[in-house]
Amino acid sequence: MVVHVRWQGRSYEWTNEELALPERPDEEELFTALAQKLETDVNLLKGELVVDWGEEAVVLRPKAVFG
């Protein structure tokens, strides 16, 4: 699985192996691995990103702001 992340104006892409994740991680495992990789607080990521699960990839992107 490929993990695509949009965080603080930058795009990142890692494989499960690069993040030391199982093949189908749960959200807690995913956010914990990303927080370590991005060197940021896991709760900040959880509060700012939306997770879109796909068959071949997972996409984490900022929440949409309207208005």
N, C-alpha and C. Protein backbone atom coordinates (compact mmCIF):
# COMPACT_ATOMS: atom_id res chain seq x y z
N MET A 1 0.84 -1.18 0.00
CA MET A 1 0.00 0.00 0.00
C MET A 1 0.89 1.24 0.00
N VAL A 2 0.44 2.26 -0.68
CA VAL A 2 1.15 3.54 -0.74
C VAL A 2 0.38 4.54 0.13
N VAL A 3 1.11 5.35 0.86
CA VAL A 3 0.52 6.37 1.71
C VAL A 3 0.87 7.73 1.12
N HIS A 4 -0.15 8.47 0.69
CA HIS A 4 0.02 9.82 0.15
C HIS A 4 -0.40 10.81 1.24
N VAL A 5 0.44 11.80 1.49
CA VAL A 5 0.14 12.77 2.55
C VAL A 5 0.34 14.18 2.02
N ARG A 6 -0.62 15.03 2.30
CA ARG A 6 -0.50 16.47 2.02
C ARG A 6 -0.47 17.14 3.39
N TRP A 7 0.68 17.75 3.74
CA TRP A 7 0.85 18.30 5.08
C TRP A 7 1.64 19.60 5.01
N GLN A 8 1.09 20.67 5.53
CA GLN A 8 1.73 21.97 5.60
C GLN A 8 2.27 22.42 4.24
N GLY A 9 1.43 22.26 3.23
CA GLY A 9 1.77 22.74 1.89
C GLY A 9 2.71 21.85 1.09
N ARG A 10 3.07 20.69 1.63
CA ARG A 10 3.96 19.77 0.92
C ARG A 10 3.28 18.43 0.72
N SER A 11 3.70 17.71 -0.30
CA SER A 11 3.19 16.38 -0.57
C SER A 11 4.28 15.34 -0.31
N TYR A 12 3.85 14.24 0.29
CA TYR A 12 4.77 13.14 0.60
C TYR A 12 4.15 11.84 0.12
N GLU A 13 5.00 10.86 -0.15
CA GLU A 13 4.52 9.55 -0.54
C GLU A 13 5.49 8.51 0.01
N TRP A 14 4.93 7.55 0.77
CA TRP A 14 5.73 6.48 1.34
C TRP A 14 5.00 5.16 1.17
N THR A 15 5.75 4.09 1.21
CA THR A 15 5.15 2.76 1.23
C THR A 15 4.98 2.33 2.69
N ASN A 16 4.19 1.30 2.89
CA ASN A 16 4.03 0.75 4.24
C ASN A 16 5.38 0.33 4.82
N GLU A 17 6.22 -0.24 3.97
CA GLU A 17 7.52 -0.69 4.43
C GLU A 17 8.37 0.48 4.94
N GLU A 18 8.34 1.60 4.23
CA GLU A 18 9.10 2.77 4.65
C GLU A 18 8.61 3.33 5.98
N LEU A 19 7.33 3.14 6.27
CA LEU A 19 6.74 3.62 7.52
C LEU A 19 6.67 2.53 8.59
N ALA A 20 7.18 1.34 8.26
CA ALA A 20 7.15 0.19 9.18
C ALA A 20 5.72 -0.13 9.63
N LEU A 21 4.80 -0.13 8.66
CA LEU A 21 3.40 -0.41 8.92
C LEU A 21 3.00 -1.78 8.38
N PRO A 22 1.99 -2.40 9.00
CA PRO A 22 1.46 -3.64 8.41
C PRO A 22 0.77 -3.33 7.09
N GLU A 23 0.40 -4.37 6.36
CA GLU A 23 -0.22 -4.19 5.04
C GLU A 23 -1.49 -3.36 5.10
N ARG A 24 -2.34 -3.58 6.10
CA ARG A 24 -3.58 -2.81 6.26
C ARG A 24 -3.60 -2.22 7.67
N PRO A 25 -2.90 -1.11 7.88
CA PRO A 25 -2.86 -0.52 9.23
C PRO A 25 -4.19 0.10 9.61
N ASP A 26 -4.43 0.21 10.91
CA ASP A 26 -5.60 0.97 11.34
C ASP A 26 -5.19 2.44 11.45
N GLU A 27 -6.15 3.32 11.71
CA GLU A 27 -5.84 4.75 11.73
C GLU A 27 -4.84 5.12 12.81
N GLU A 28 -4.92 4.47 13.96
CA GLU A 28 -3.99 4.77 15.05
C GLU A 28 -2.56 4.45 14.64
N GLU A 29 -2.36 3.28 14.04
CA GLU A 29 -1.02 2.90 13.57
C GLU A 29 -0.53 3.88 12.49
N LEU A 30 -1.42 4.24 11.60
CA LEU A 30 -1.08 5.15 10.51
C LEU A 30 -0.66 6.52 11.04
N PHE A 31 -1.47 7.11 11.89
CA PHE A 31 -1.14 8.43 12.42
C PHE A 31 0.12 8.41 13.27
N THR A 32 0.32 7.35 14.03
CA THR A 32 1.53 7.25 14.86
C THR A 32 2.78 7.20 13.99
N ALA A 33 2.75 6.38 12.94
CA ALA A 33 3.90 6.28 12.03
C ALA A 33 4.16 7.60 11.31
N LEU A 34 3.10 8.27 10.88
CA LEU A 34 3.27 9.55 10.18
C LEU A 34 3.81 10.64 11.10
N ALA A 35 3.33 10.66 12.33
CA ALA A 35 3.82 11.66 13.29
C ALA A 35 5.32 11.48 13.51
N GLN A 36 5.77 10.24 13.60
CA GLN A 36 7.20 9.98 13.76
C GLN A 36 7.97 10.42 12.53
N LYS A 37 7.46 10.07 11.36
CA LYS A 37 8.16 10.40 10.10
C LYS A 37 8.20 11.91 9.87
N LEU A 38 7.10 12.60 10.18
CA LEU A 38 7.03 14.05 9.97
C LEU A 38 7.53 14.86 11.16
N GLU A 39 7.92 14.14 12.22
CA GLU A 39 8.44 14.78 13.44
C GLU A 39 7.48 15.83 13.98
N THR A 40 6.24 15.41 14.16
CA THR A 40 5.21 16.30 14.69
C THR A 40 4.32 15.53 15.67
N ASP A 41 3.46 16.23 16.34
CA ASP A 41 2.56 15.63 17.32
C ASP A 41 1.44 14.86 16.64
N VAL A 42 1.20 13.65 17.10
CA VAL A 42 0.17 12.80 16.50
C VAL A 42 -1.21 13.44 16.61
N ASN A 43 -1.50 14.13 17.70
CA ASN A 43 -2.81 14.76 17.86
C ASN A 43 -3.01 15.93 16.90
N LEU A 44 -1.93 16.60 16.54
CA LEU A 44 -2.01 17.67 15.55
C LEU A 44 -2.41 17.09 14.19
N LEU A 45 -1.79 15.98 13.81
CA LEU A 45 -2.16 15.33 12.55
C LEU A 45 -3.61 14.88 12.57
N LYS A 46 -4.02 14.23 13.66
CA LYS A 46 -5.40 13.75 13.76
C LYS A 46 -6.41 14.89 13.66
N GLY A 47 -6.06 16.05 14.18
CA GLY A 47 -6.97 17.18 14.14
C GLY A 47 -7.02 17.90 12.81
N GLU A 48 -5.97 17.72 12.00
CA GLU A 48 -5.86 18.48 10.76
C GLU A 48 -6.12 17.67 9.48
N LEU A 49 -5.95 16.34 9.54
CA LEU A 49 -6.01 15.55 8.33
C LEU A 49 -7.24 14.64 8.27
N VAL A 50 -7.71 14.43 7.05
CA VAL A 50 -8.81 13.50 6.76
C VAL A 50 -8.19 12.30 6.05
N VAL A 51 -8.63 11.10 6.40
CA VAL A 51 -8.10 9.88 5.80
C VAL A 51 -9.08 9.33 4.78
N ASP A 52 -8.61 9.11 3.55
CA ASP A 52 -9.40 8.49 2.49
C ASP A 52 -8.74 7.15 2.15
N TRP A 53 -9.42 6.05 2.53
CA TRP A 53 -8.88 4.71 2.29
C TRP A 53 -9.26 4.24 0.89
N GLY A 54 -8.28 3.72 0.15
CA GLY A 54 -8.53 3.12 -1.16
C GLY A 54 -8.03 1.69 -1.17
N GLU A 55 -8.20 1.02 -2.29
CA GLU A 55 -7.75 -0.37 -2.42
C GLU A 55 -6.22 -0.47 -2.44
N GLU A 56 -5.59 0.43 -3.17
CA GLU A 56 -4.14 0.38 -3.37
C GLU A 56 -3.38 1.43 -2.57
N ALA A 57 -4.10 2.43 -2.05
CA ALA A 57 -3.42 3.53 -1.38
C ALA A 57 -4.34 4.17 -0.34
N VAL A 58 -3.72 4.91 0.54
CA VAL A 58 -4.46 5.73 1.50
C VAL A 58 -3.98 7.16 1.31
N VAL A 59 -4.92 8.11 1.34
CA VAL A 59 -4.60 9.51 1.13
C VAL A 59 -4.98 10.27 2.39
N LEU A 60 -4.05 11.05 2.91
CA LEU A 60 -4.32 11.93 4.04
C LEU A 60 -4.16 13.35 3.55
N ARG A 61 -5.20 14.14 3.76
CA ARG A 61 -5.22 15.51 3.24
C ARG A 61 -5.83 16.42 4.29
N PRO A 62 -5.56 17.72 4.17
CA PRO A 62 -6.18 18.67 5.13
C PRO A 62 -7.69 18.68 4.97
N LYS A 63 -8.36 18.98 6.07
CA LYS A 63 -9.81 19.14 6.03
C LYS A 63 -10.16 20.31 5.14
N ALA A 64 -11.25 20.18 4.40
CA ALA A 64 -11.71 21.27 3.53
C ALA A 64 -12.28 22.40 4.40
N VAL A 65 -11.97 23.62 3.97
CA VAL A 65 -12.49 24.81 4.67
C VAL A 65 -13.36 25.55 3.68
N PHE A 66 -14.60 25.79 4.08
CA PHE A 66 -15.52 26.49 3.20
C PHE A 66 -15.86 27.85 3.80
N GLY A 67 -16.03 28.82 2.90
CA GLY A 67 -16.46 30.13 3.36
C GLY A 67 -15.38 31.06 3.46
